[in-house]
N, C-alpha and C. Protein backbone atom coordinates (compact mmCIF):
# COMPACT_ATOMS: atom_id res chain seq x y z
N MET A 1 82.99 -28.58 -65.44
CA MET A 1 82.85 -29.50 -64.59
C MET A 1 81.84 -29.05 -63.29
N ALA A 2 80.89 -29.66 -63.10
CA ALA A 2 79.84 -29.47 -62.12
C ALA A 2 80.30 -29.64 -60.67
N ARG A 3 80.37 -28.85 -59.76
CA ARG A 3 80.86 -29.40 -58.57
C ARG A 3 79.83 -29.91 -57.56
N ARG A 4 80.08 -30.90 -56.97
CA ARG A 4 79.15 -31.65 -56.13
C ARG A 4 79.08 -31.04 -54.77
N ASP A 5 77.75 -30.87 -54.35
CA ASP A 5 77.48 -30.48 -52.79
C ASP A 5 77.97 -31.50 -51.68
N PRO A 6 79.16 -31.19 -51.11
CA PRO A 6 79.52 -32.07 -50.16
C PRO A 6 78.60 -32.44 -49.04
N LEU A 7 77.70 -31.66 -48.92
CA LEU A 7 76.58 -31.80 -47.72
C LEU A 7 75.39 -32.29 -48.43
N ALA A 8 75.29 -32.92 -49.46
CA ALA A 8 74.08 -33.40 -49.89
C ALA A 8 73.51 -34.29 -49.08
N ASN A 9 73.88 -35.39 -48.57
CA ASN A 9 73.40 -36.33 -47.71
C ASN A 9 73.67 -35.90 -46.12
N THR A 10 73.38 -34.98 -45.95
CA THR A 10 73.40 -34.60 -44.48
C THR A 10 73.24 -35.39 -43.30
N PRO A 11 72.11 -36.12 -43.22
CA PRO A 11 71.80 -36.84 -42.05
C PRO A 11 72.82 -38.00 -42.05
N GLU A 12 73.10 -38.58 -43.01
CA GLU A 12 74.15 -39.66 -42.79
C GLU A 12 75.50 -39.23 -42.55
N LEU A 13 75.90 -38.01 -43.12
CA LEU A 13 77.39 -37.37 -42.59
C LEU A 13 77.02 -36.89 -41.15
N ILE A 14 75.89 -36.66 -40.60
CA ILE A 14 75.97 -36.02 -39.32
C ILE A 14 75.99 -37.26 -38.34
N ARG A 15 75.61 -38.34 -38.59
CA ARG A 15 75.62 -39.68 -37.79
C ARG A 15 76.99 -40.10 -37.86
N ARG A 16 77.61 -40.16 -39.14
CA ARG A 16 79.15 -40.47 -39.02
C ARG A 16 80.09 -39.52 -38.26
N ILE A 17 79.91 -38.39 -38.71
CA ILE A 17 80.87 -37.41 -37.90
C ILE A 17 80.58 -37.32 -36.44
N TYR A 18 79.32 -37.48 -36.10
CA TYR A 18 79.18 -37.55 -34.67
C TYR A 18 79.70 -38.73 -33.89
N SER A 19 79.63 -40.07 -34.61
CA SER A 19 80.17 -41.15 -34.10
C SER A 19 81.52 -41.07 -34.09
N TYR A 20 82.24 -40.43 -34.86
CA TYR A 20 83.82 -40.17 -35.06
C TYR A 20 84.08 -39.48 -33.71
N VAL A 21 83.44 -38.45 -33.58
CA VAL A 21 83.72 -37.57 -32.48
C VAL A 21 83.27 -38.05 -31.27
N ALA A 22 82.25 -38.68 -31.02
CA ALA A 22 82.02 -39.53 -29.76
C ALA A 22 82.98 -40.27 -29.38
N TYR A 23 83.71 -41.18 -30.32
CA TYR A 23 84.95 -41.82 -29.93
C TYR A 23 85.93 -41.31 -29.40
N ARG A 24 86.32 -39.95 -29.87
CA ARG A 24 87.39 -39.08 -29.46
C ARG A 24 87.15 -38.43 -28.21
N VAL A 25 85.99 -37.65 -28.04
CA VAL A 25 85.87 -36.79 -27.04
C VAL A 25 84.80 -37.46 -26.08
N GLY A 26 84.08 -38.48 -26.11
CA GLY A 26 83.10 -39.13 -25.37
C GLY A 26 81.65 -38.77 -26.12
N ASP A 27 80.57 -39.45 -25.54
CA ASP A 27 79.48 -39.31 -26.00
C ASP A 27 78.67 -38.32 -25.18
N GLY A 28 77.94 -37.57 -25.87
CA GLY A 28 77.02 -36.56 -25.09
C GLY A 28 77.38 -35.18 -25.68
N PRO A 29 77.00 -34.16 -24.79
CA PRO A 29 76.87 -32.89 -25.17
C PRO A 29 78.44 -32.13 -25.75
N ASP A 30 79.62 -32.82 -25.31
CA ASP A 30 80.68 -32.42 -25.96
C ASP A 30 80.89 -32.67 -27.25
N ALA A 31 80.50 -34.02 -27.44
CA ALA A 31 80.43 -34.55 -29.04
C ALA A 31 79.29 -33.88 -29.77
N GLU A 32 78.39 -33.47 -29.05
CA GLU A 32 77.45 -32.66 -30.06
C GLU A 32 77.84 -31.27 -30.33
N ASP A 33 78.57 -30.56 -29.47
CA ASP A 33 79.08 -29.27 -29.61
C ASP A 33 79.95 -29.48 -30.72
N VAL A 34 80.98 -30.36 -30.55
CA VAL A 34 82.19 -30.47 -31.76
C VAL A 34 81.56 -30.81 -32.99
N THR A 35 80.52 -31.98 -33.01
CA THR A 35 79.84 -32.09 -34.42
C THR A 35 79.17 -30.84 -34.96
N SER A 36 78.56 -30.05 -34.13
CA SER A 36 77.88 -28.63 -34.53
C SER A 36 79.07 -27.74 -35.05
N GLU A 37 80.06 -27.67 -34.51
CA GLU A 37 81.21 -26.82 -35.01
C GLU A 37 81.84 -27.37 -36.38
N VAL A 38 81.79 -28.66 -36.40
CA VAL A 38 82.17 -29.25 -37.79
C VAL A 38 81.27 -28.72 -38.79
N PHE A 39 79.98 -28.96 -38.71
CA PHE A 39 79.19 -28.58 -39.68
C PHE A 39 78.95 -27.04 -39.77
N GLU A 40 79.26 -26.38 -38.94
CA GLU A 40 79.36 -24.77 -38.92
C GLU A 40 80.36 -24.60 -39.75
N ARG A 41 81.66 -25.19 -39.71
CA ARG A 41 82.68 -25.01 -40.44
C ARG A 41 82.45 -25.24 -41.92
N ALA A 42 81.77 -26.46 -41.92
CA ALA A 42 81.69 -27.06 -43.46
C ALA A 42 80.78 -26.21 -44.17
N LEU A 43 79.87 -25.54 -43.50
CA LEU A 43 78.68 -24.83 -44.45
C LEU A 43 79.60 -23.48 -44.57
N ARG A 44 80.36 -22.91 -43.84
CA ARG A 44 81.26 -21.80 -43.97
C ARG A 44 82.16 -21.82 -45.38
N TYR A 45 82.81 -23.07 -45.30
CA TYR A 45 83.72 -23.23 -46.13
C TYR A 45 83.37 -24.27 -47.28
N ARG A 46 82.06 -24.33 -47.27
CA ARG A 46 81.82 -25.42 -48.54
C ARG A 46 82.16 -25.30 -49.82
N LYS A 47 82.31 -24.17 -50.27
CA LYS A 47 83.04 -23.84 -51.60
C LYS A 47 84.42 -24.25 -51.83
N SER A 48 85.20 -24.57 -50.67
CA SER A 48 86.61 -24.83 -50.59
C SER A 48 86.49 -26.40 -50.73
N TYR A 49 85.56 -27.09 -50.71
CA TYR A 49 85.50 -28.64 -50.99
C TYR A 49 86.06 -28.86 -52.50
N ASP A 50 86.95 -29.75 -52.56
CA ASP A 50 87.43 -30.37 -53.88
C ASP A 50 87.25 -31.81 -53.81
N PRO A 51 86.24 -32.16 -54.97
CA PRO A 51 85.73 -33.55 -54.96
C PRO A 51 87.17 -34.40 -55.43
N SER A 52 87.97 -33.85 -55.97
CA SER A 52 89.23 -34.66 -56.50
C SER A 52 89.90 -35.01 -55.66
N ARG A 53 89.81 -34.47 -54.33
CA ARG A 53 90.61 -34.92 -53.23
C ARG A 53 90.11 -35.93 -52.21
N GLY A 54 89.05 -36.32 -52.61
CA GLY A 54 88.43 -37.30 -51.75
C GLY A 54 86.86 -37.09 -51.55
N GLU A 55 86.22 -38.18 -50.84
CA GLU A 55 84.76 -37.84 -50.57
C GLU A 55 84.40 -37.01 -49.50
N PRO A 56 83.23 -36.57 -49.52
CA PRO A 56 82.74 -35.55 -48.37
C PRO A 56 83.02 -35.85 -46.98
N VAL A 57 82.86 -37.31 -46.66
CA VAL A 57 83.17 -37.68 -45.32
C VAL A 57 84.61 -37.49 -45.01
N ALA A 58 85.43 -37.74 -45.75
CA ALA A 58 86.84 -37.48 -45.66
C ALA A 58 87.25 -36.01 -45.32
N TRP A 59 86.76 -34.94 -46.17
CA TRP A 59 86.70 -33.52 -45.76
C TRP A 59 86.19 -33.24 -44.42
N LEU A 60 84.96 -33.85 -44.23
CA LEU A 60 84.60 -33.51 -42.99
C LEU A 60 85.43 -33.95 -41.74
N ILE A 61 85.91 -35.23 -41.98
CA ILE A 61 86.82 -35.89 -40.88
C ILE A 61 87.89 -34.87 -40.55
N GLY A 62 88.52 -34.40 -41.81
CA GLY A 62 89.43 -33.55 -41.57
C GLY A 62 89.15 -32.30 -40.78
N ILE A 63 87.99 -31.78 -40.98
CA ILE A 63 87.50 -30.63 -40.23
C ILE A 63 87.26 -30.93 -38.81
N ALA A 64 86.77 -32.12 -38.47
CA ALA A 64 86.35 -32.78 -36.99
C ALA A 64 87.80 -32.88 -36.42
N ARG A 65 88.85 -33.23 -37.10
CA ARG A 65 90.01 -33.57 -36.23
C ARG A 65 90.48 -31.98 -35.81
N ARG A 66 90.26 -31.16 -36.67
CA ARG A 66 90.74 -29.68 -36.14
C ARG A 66 89.97 -29.28 -35.02
N CYS A 67 88.65 -29.47 -35.10
CA CYS A 67 87.64 -29.11 -33.97
C CYS A 67 88.12 -29.77 -32.77
N ILE A 68 88.36 -31.30 -32.88
CA ILE A 68 88.60 -31.90 -31.74
C ILE A 68 89.75 -31.29 -30.97
N ASP A 69 90.82 -30.98 -31.74
CA ASP A 69 91.99 -30.44 -31.21
C ASP A 69 91.59 -29.00 -30.46
N ASP A 70 90.79 -28.48 -31.29
CA ASP A 70 90.50 -27.11 -30.57
C ASP A 70 89.67 -27.29 -29.42
N ALA A 71 88.92 -28.18 -29.41
CA ALA A 71 88.02 -28.55 -28.13
C ALA A 71 88.94 -29.08 -26.79
N MET A 72 89.77 -29.73 -27.41
CA MET A 72 90.89 -30.28 -26.10
C MET A 72 91.61 -29.41 -25.73
N MET A 73 91.91 -28.36 -26.30
CA MET A 73 92.72 -27.04 -25.89
C MET A 73 91.99 -26.02 -24.95
N LYS A 74 90.69 -26.19 -25.29
CA LYS A 74 89.62 -25.35 -24.16
C LYS A 74 89.61 -25.90 -22.83
N PRO A 75 89.81 -25.05 -21.90
CA PRO A 75 89.40 -25.59 -20.55
C PRO A 75 87.86 -25.91 -20.37
N ARG A 76 87.75 -27.16 -19.44
CA ARG A 76 86.42 -27.27 -19.30
C ARG A 76 85.59 -26.07 -18.41
N ALA A 77 84.66 -25.54 -18.71
CA ALA A 77 83.96 -24.59 -17.76
C ALA A 77 83.36 -25.33 -16.44
N GLU A 78 82.71 -26.29 -16.81
CA GLU A 78 82.09 -26.97 -15.50
C GLU A 78 81.66 -28.34 -16.04
N SER A 79 81.63 -29.23 -15.10
CA SER A 79 81.23 -30.71 -15.54
C SER A 79 79.68 -30.57 -15.62
N ARG A 80 79.15 -31.16 -16.65
CA ARG A 80 77.90 -31.09 -16.88
C ARG A 80 77.16 -32.45 -16.48
N GLU A 81 76.07 -32.12 -15.91
CA GLU A 81 75.30 -33.33 -15.04
C GLU A 81 74.29 -33.94 -16.15
N GLN A 82 74.29 -35.28 -16.21
CA GLN A 82 73.55 -36.04 -17.11
C GLN A 82 72.08 -35.99 -16.47
N PRO A 83 71.02 -35.74 -17.12
CA PRO A 83 69.73 -35.86 -16.60
C PRO A 83 69.44 -37.21 -16.23
N ASP A 84 68.38 -37.17 -15.13
CA ASP A 84 68.01 -38.38 -14.66
C ASP A 84 67.36 -39.51 -15.87
N VAL A 85 67.51 -40.73 -16.03
CA VAL A 85 66.94 -41.51 -16.85
C VAL A 85 66.20 -42.57 -16.17
N THR A 86 65.32 -42.89 -16.72
CA THR A 86 64.48 -44.24 -16.13
C THR A 86 65.48 -45.32 -16.41
N SER A 87 65.67 -46.03 -15.45
CA SER A 87 66.61 -47.04 -15.62
C SER A 87 65.74 -48.39 -15.93
N SER A 88 66.64 -49.28 -16.49
CA SER A 88 65.92 -50.62 -16.92
C SER A 88 67.00 -51.54 -16.26
N GLU A 89 66.88 -52.92 -16.48
CA GLU A 89 67.46 -53.80 -15.71
C GLU A 89 69.11 -53.94 -16.39
N ASP A 90 69.14 -53.57 -17.90
CA ASP A 90 70.26 -53.66 -18.51
C ASP A 90 71.08 -52.25 -18.35
N LEU A 91 70.61 -51.19 -17.81
CA LEU A 91 71.15 -49.99 -17.82
C LEU A 91 72.67 -49.82 -16.93
N GLU A 92 72.72 -50.81 -16.09
CA GLU A 92 73.78 -50.84 -15.21
C GLU A 92 74.94 -51.47 -16.00
N ALA A 93 74.83 -52.74 -16.76
CA ALA A 93 75.53 -53.36 -17.42
C ALA A 93 75.95 -52.69 -18.79
N ASP A 94 74.91 -51.93 -19.31
CA ASP A 94 75.45 -51.16 -20.19
C ASP A 94 76.40 -50.11 -20.01
N ALA A 95 76.14 -49.24 -18.88
CA ALA A 95 77.04 -48.38 -18.51
C ALA A 95 78.42 -48.88 -18.06
N LEU A 96 78.54 -49.89 -17.61
CA LEU A 96 79.81 -50.67 -17.19
C LEU A 96 80.53 -50.96 -18.63
N GLN A 97 79.72 -51.39 -19.44
CA GLN A 97 80.39 -51.67 -20.81
C GLN A 97 80.83 -50.58 -21.48
N ARG A 98 80.13 -49.38 -21.55
CA ARG A 98 80.49 -48.16 -21.95
C ARG A 98 81.91 -47.76 -21.40
N LEU A 99 81.94 -47.79 -20.14
CA LEU A 99 82.79 -47.12 -19.26
C LEU A 99 84.35 -48.10 -19.72
N THR A 100 84.11 -49.46 -19.72
CA THR A 100 85.09 -50.25 -19.98
C THR A 100 85.77 -49.93 -21.18
N VAL A 101 84.94 -49.81 -22.43
CA VAL A 101 85.39 -49.45 -23.54
C VAL A 101 85.88 -48.18 -23.80
N ALA A 102 85.47 -47.19 -23.01
CA ALA A 102 86.11 -45.77 -22.89
C ALA A 102 87.53 -45.90 -22.27
N ALA A 103 87.39 -46.66 -21.48
CA ALA A 103 88.81 -46.69 -20.39
C ALA A 103 89.79 -47.46 -21.43
N ALA A 104 89.50 -48.61 -22.07
CA ALA A 104 90.37 -49.21 -22.82
C ALA A 104 90.78 -48.44 -24.09
N VAL A 105 89.77 -47.66 -24.74
CA VAL A 105 90.34 -46.61 -25.92
C VAL A 105 91.17 -45.73 -25.41
N ASP A 106 91.01 -45.01 -24.27
CA ASP A 106 91.84 -44.16 -23.68
C ASP A 106 93.18 -44.51 -23.41
N GLY A 107 93.26 -45.73 -23.10
CA GLY A 107 94.56 -46.39 -22.83
C GLY A 107 95.49 -46.43 -24.00
N LEU A 108 94.90 -46.16 -25.28
CA LEU A 108 95.66 -46.39 -26.37
C LEU A 108 96.49 -45.19 -26.65
N ASP A 109 97.43 -45.15 -27.43
CA ASP A 109 98.17 -44.02 -28.00
C ASP A 109 97.25 -43.30 -28.95
N GLU A 110 97.55 -41.90 -29.23
CA GLU A 110 96.67 -41.25 -29.96
C GLU A 110 96.42 -41.55 -31.40
N ARG A 111 97.37 -42.22 -32.04
CA ARG A 111 97.05 -42.65 -33.43
C ARG A 111 96.17 -43.73 -33.35
N SER A 112 96.26 -44.72 -32.51
CA SER A 112 95.49 -45.92 -32.21
C SER A 112 93.89 -45.40 -31.99
N ARG A 113 93.89 -44.36 -31.23
CA ARG A 113 92.71 -43.73 -30.80
C ARG A 113 91.80 -43.21 -32.22
N ASP A 114 92.57 -42.82 -32.86
CA ASP A 114 92.33 -42.06 -34.24
C ASP A 114 91.80 -43.18 -35.03
N LEU A 115 92.60 -44.29 -35.22
CA LEU A 115 92.20 -45.19 -36.03
C LEU A 115 90.92 -46.05 -35.73
N VAL A 116 90.70 -46.29 -34.23
CA VAL A 116 89.56 -46.73 -33.97
C VAL A 116 88.33 -45.86 -34.12
N ALA A 117 88.64 -44.60 -34.02
CA ALA A 117 87.53 -43.60 -33.93
C ALA A 117 87.00 -43.48 -35.53
N LEU A 118 88.02 -43.59 -36.47
CA LEU A 118 87.72 -43.42 -37.77
C LEU A 118 87.04 -44.79 -38.27
N ARG A 119 87.55 -45.95 -38.14
CA ARG A 119 87.00 -47.18 -38.42
C ARG A 119 85.40 -47.40 -37.65
N TYR A 120 85.70 -47.34 -36.56
CA TYR A 120 84.23 -47.75 -35.66
C TYR A 120 83.25 -46.46 -35.38
N GLY A 121 83.73 -45.44 -35.22
CA GLY A 121 83.05 -44.29 -35.10
C GLY A 121 82.63 -43.91 -36.43
N ALA A 122 83.34 -43.28 -37.29
CA ALA A 122 83.00 -42.82 -38.55
C ALA A 122 82.48 -43.83 -39.48
N ASP A 123 82.78 -44.94 -39.28
CA ASP A 123 82.39 -46.37 -40.23
C ASP A 123 82.98 -46.17 -41.65
N LEU A 124 84.53 -45.79 -41.56
CA LEU A 124 85.20 -45.81 -42.64
C LEU A 124 85.72 -46.98 -42.95
N SER A 125 86.02 -47.24 -44.21
CA SER A 125 86.65 -48.40 -44.66
C SER A 125 88.36 -48.27 -44.55
N ALA A 126 89.08 -49.08 -44.48
CA ALA A 126 90.48 -48.89 -44.45
C ALA A 126 91.09 -48.40 -45.54
N ARG A 127 90.47 -48.40 -46.87
CA ARG A 127 90.85 -47.42 -47.85
C ARG A 127 90.71 -46.12 -47.62
N GLN A 128 89.53 -45.70 -46.94
CA GLN A 128 89.25 -44.20 -46.83
C GLN A 128 90.02 -43.94 -45.59
N ILE A 129 90.43 -44.63 -44.70
CA ILE A 129 91.09 -44.04 -43.51
C ILE A 129 92.55 -43.86 -44.20
N GLY A 130 92.88 -44.70 -44.99
CA GLY A 130 94.32 -44.67 -45.68
C GLY A 130 94.34 -43.31 -46.45
N GLU A 131 93.50 -42.96 -47.03
CA GLU A 131 93.28 -41.69 -47.75
C GLU A 131 93.45 -40.44 -46.92
N ILE A 132 92.67 -40.52 -45.95
CA ILE A 132 92.71 -39.42 -44.76
C ILE A 132 94.08 -39.29 -44.22
N LEU A 133 94.65 -40.40 -43.72
CA LEU A 133 95.83 -40.26 -42.98
C LEU A 133 97.26 -40.43 -43.74
N GLY A 134 96.95 -40.55 -45.12
CA GLY A 134 98.15 -40.68 -46.04
C GLY A 134 98.92 -42.12 -45.97
N LEU A 135 98.12 -43.12 -45.59
CA LEU A 135 98.71 -44.59 -45.58
C LEU A 135 98.05 -45.57 -46.62
N LYS A 136 98.93 -46.39 -46.71
CA LYS A 136 98.34 -47.55 -47.59
C LYS A 136 97.29 -48.16 -46.92
N THR A 137 96.44 -48.83 -47.53
CA THR A 137 95.20 -49.52 -47.21
C THR A 137 95.68 -50.86 -46.18
N ASN A 138 96.74 -51.38 -46.66
CA ASN A 138 97.33 -52.45 -46.03
C ASN A 138 97.91 -52.16 -44.56
N ALA A 139 98.63 -51.00 -44.68
CA ALA A 139 99.09 -50.52 -43.23
C ALA A 139 98.00 -50.28 -42.31
N VAL A 140 97.06 -49.47 -42.81
CA VAL A 140 95.94 -49.19 -41.97
C VAL A 140 95.19 -50.52 -41.42
N GLU A 141 95.12 -51.62 -42.24
CA GLU A 141 94.59 -52.92 -41.82
C GLU A 141 95.38 -53.52 -40.77
N VAL A 142 96.72 -53.40 -40.97
CA VAL A 142 97.62 -54.14 -39.93
C VAL A 142 97.46 -53.19 -38.64
N ALA A 143 97.69 -51.98 -38.68
CA ALA A 143 97.56 -51.05 -37.71
C ALA A 143 96.19 -51.33 -36.69
N LEU A 144 95.05 -51.45 -37.52
CA LEU A 144 93.60 -51.54 -36.77
C LEU A 144 93.94 -52.97 -36.02
N HIS A 145 94.19 -53.95 -36.75
CA HIS A 145 94.57 -55.45 -36.16
C HIS A 145 95.28 -55.35 -34.93
N ARG A 146 96.53 -54.75 -34.88
CA ARG A 146 97.30 -54.50 -33.88
C ARG A 146 96.46 -53.86 -32.64
N THR A 147 95.94 -52.83 -32.97
CA THR A 147 95.25 -51.98 -32.05
C THR A 147 93.76 -52.89 -31.43
N LEU A 148 93.45 -53.53 -32.12
CA LEU A 148 92.36 -54.39 -31.70
C LEU A 148 92.73 -55.50 -30.66
N ALA A 149 94.05 -56.14 -30.94
CA ALA A 149 94.72 -57.09 -30.37
C ALA A 149 94.99 -56.53 -28.93
N ARG A 150 95.32 -55.31 -29.01
CA ARG A 150 95.77 -54.63 -27.46
C ARG A 150 94.39 -54.37 -26.81
N LEU A 151 93.32 -53.98 -27.48
CA LEU A 151 91.94 -53.74 -26.81
C LEU A 151 91.36 -54.97 -26.47
N ARG A 152 91.31 -56.11 -27.15
CA ARG A 152 90.79 -57.27 -26.91
C ARG A 152 90.78 -57.93 -25.59
N PRO A 153 91.81 -58.14 -24.91
CA PRO A 153 91.79 -58.68 -23.56
C PRO A 153 91.03 -57.93 -22.62
N GLU A 154 90.87 -56.62 -22.61
CA GLU A 154 90.44 -55.84 -21.61
C GLU A 154 88.81 -55.93 -21.97
N LEU A 155 88.38 -55.81 -23.26
CA LEU A 155 86.92 -55.98 -23.73
C LEU A 155 86.31 -57.25 -23.43
N GLU A 156 87.11 -58.36 -23.53
CA GLU A 156 86.54 -59.73 -23.58
C GLU A 156 86.05 -60.11 -22.10
N GLU A 157 86.72 -59.36 -21.17
CA GLU A 157 86.28 -59.57 -19.89
C GLU A 157 85.09 -59.06 -19.34
N THR A 158 84.48 -57.95 -20.18
CA THR A 158 83.30 -57.60 -20.09
C THR A 158 82.21 -58.21 -21.03
N PRO A 159 81.11 -58.63 -20.38
CA PRO A 159 80.14 -59.25 -20.88
C PRO A 159 79.32 -58.40 -22.16
N PRO A 160 79.17 -58.83 -23.55
CA PRO A 160 78.66 -57.69 -24.59
C PRO A 160 77.46 -57.42 -24.31
N THR A 161 76.98 -56.22 -24.84
CA THR A 161 75.59 -55.82 -24.78
C THR A 161 75.37 -55.45 -26.16
N ALA A 162 74.04 -55.03 -26.40
CA ALA A 162 73.45 -54.66 -27.71
C ALA A 162 73.83 -53.31 -28.16
N ALA A 163 74.24 -52.46 -27.21
CA ALA A 163 74.43 -50.97 -27.28
C ALA A 163 76.09 -50.62 -27.11
N GLY A 164 76.39 -49.63 -27.65
CA GLY A 164 77.69 -48.95 -27.43
C GLY A 164 78.85 -49.52 -28.41
N PRO A 165 79.69 -48.53 -28.38
CA PRO A 165 81.03 -48.72 -29.13
C PRO A 165 81.57 -50.26 -29.17
N ALA A 166 81.50 -51.01 -28.01
CA ALA A 166 82.17 -52.16 -27.97
C ALA A 166 81.39 -53.20 -28.79
N SER A 167 80.06 -53.09 -29.19
CA SER A 167 79.27 -53.90 -29.82
C SER A 167 79.45 -53.75 -31.32
N SER A 168 80.34 -52.82 -31.54
CA SER A 168 80.68 -52.43 -33.24
C SER A 168 81.94 -53.19 -33.37
N LEU A 169 82.59 -53.60 -32.26
CA LEU A 169 84.22 -54.05 -32.71
C LEU A 169 84.04 -55.42 -33.02
N PRO A 170 84.50 -55.99 -34.35
CA PRO A 170 84.30 -57.25 -34.77
C PRO A 170 84.97 -58.28 -33.96
N PRO A 171 84.26 -59.53 -34.03
CA PRO A 171 85.05 -60.73 -33.21
C PRO A 171 86.62 -60.93 -33.60
N ALA A 172 87.12 -61.49 -32.86
CA ALA A 172 88.83 -61.66 -33.21
C ALA A 172 88.79 -62.52 -34.46
N SER A 173 88.19 -63.65 -34.80
CA SER A 173 88.37 -64.09 -35.97
C SER A 173 88.01 -63.36 -37.35
N GLU A 174 87.02 -62.50 -37.33
CA GLU A 174 86.57 -61.72 -38.20
C GLU A 174 87.72 -60.76 -38.61
N GLN A 175 88.21 -60.00 -37.52
CA GLN A 175 89.13 -58.99 -37.65
C GLN A 175 90.65 -59.53 -38.15
N SER A 176 90.92 -61.01 -37.83
CA SER A 176 92.22 -61.61 -38.44
C SER A 176 92.18 -61.76 -39.84
N GLU A 177 90.92 -62.13 -40.11
CA GLU A 177 90.44 -62.46 -41.53
C GLU A 177 90.69 -61.29 -42.52
N LYS A 178 90.23 -60.30 -41.92
CA LYS A 178 90.29 -58.81 -42.58
C LYS A 178 91.63 -58.44 -42.82
N ALA A 179 92.36 -58.33 -41.55
CA ALA A 179 93.69 -58.05 -41.62
C ALA A 179 94.56 -58.66 -42.68
N SER A 180 94.25 -59.96 -42.87
CA SER A 180 95.20 -60.83 -43.50
C SER A 180 94.81 -60.82 -45.04
N GLY A 181 93.55 -60.19 -45.26
CA GLY A 181 93.23 -60.08 -46.66
C GLY A 181 92.33 -60.96 -47.36
N TRP A 182 91.99 -62.14 -46.31
CA TRP A 182 90.99 -63.18 -46.81
C TRP A 182 89.45 -62.92 -46.58
N ALA A 183 88.99 -61.62 -45.97
CA ALA A 183 87.72 -61.44 -46.07
C ALA A 183 87.19 -60.75 -47.19
């Protein structure tokens, strides 16, 4: 049996892993550092990838979860200042929405934050999340639905923008249909 290269579609994998990590540790340099660590480990342990145990993205998410745990244990050396950005009229609203989403997600328990990051950060299906977490697809859908129900009141108070994690959260009606199996 020929072994498949788990890093064959690297640009797509980097995007999905970075998005997952950004949901967990925040957007920016910290997420970039953790994502780099994930791919460094993946390159180092590439031969350990077993295609019979799941897709490459699931393997990388497993590595990312360990890297995030490692990063959370390290004390932060210093706060990093963001470079000055030329502002537009929407910059304030976008920043406010990102902060609102981050605060709402941070208010969730660890499992719920992980579910949101896997679904909307890594863009994984409920089936893929179930494989990673050892849960049935329906259990993942129900857990996501309940998590979004807890987030929705806080997020609906903020006007939507075109950018940021909140824009990737589906409307309540769409999520209800998905969770009930009608979509």
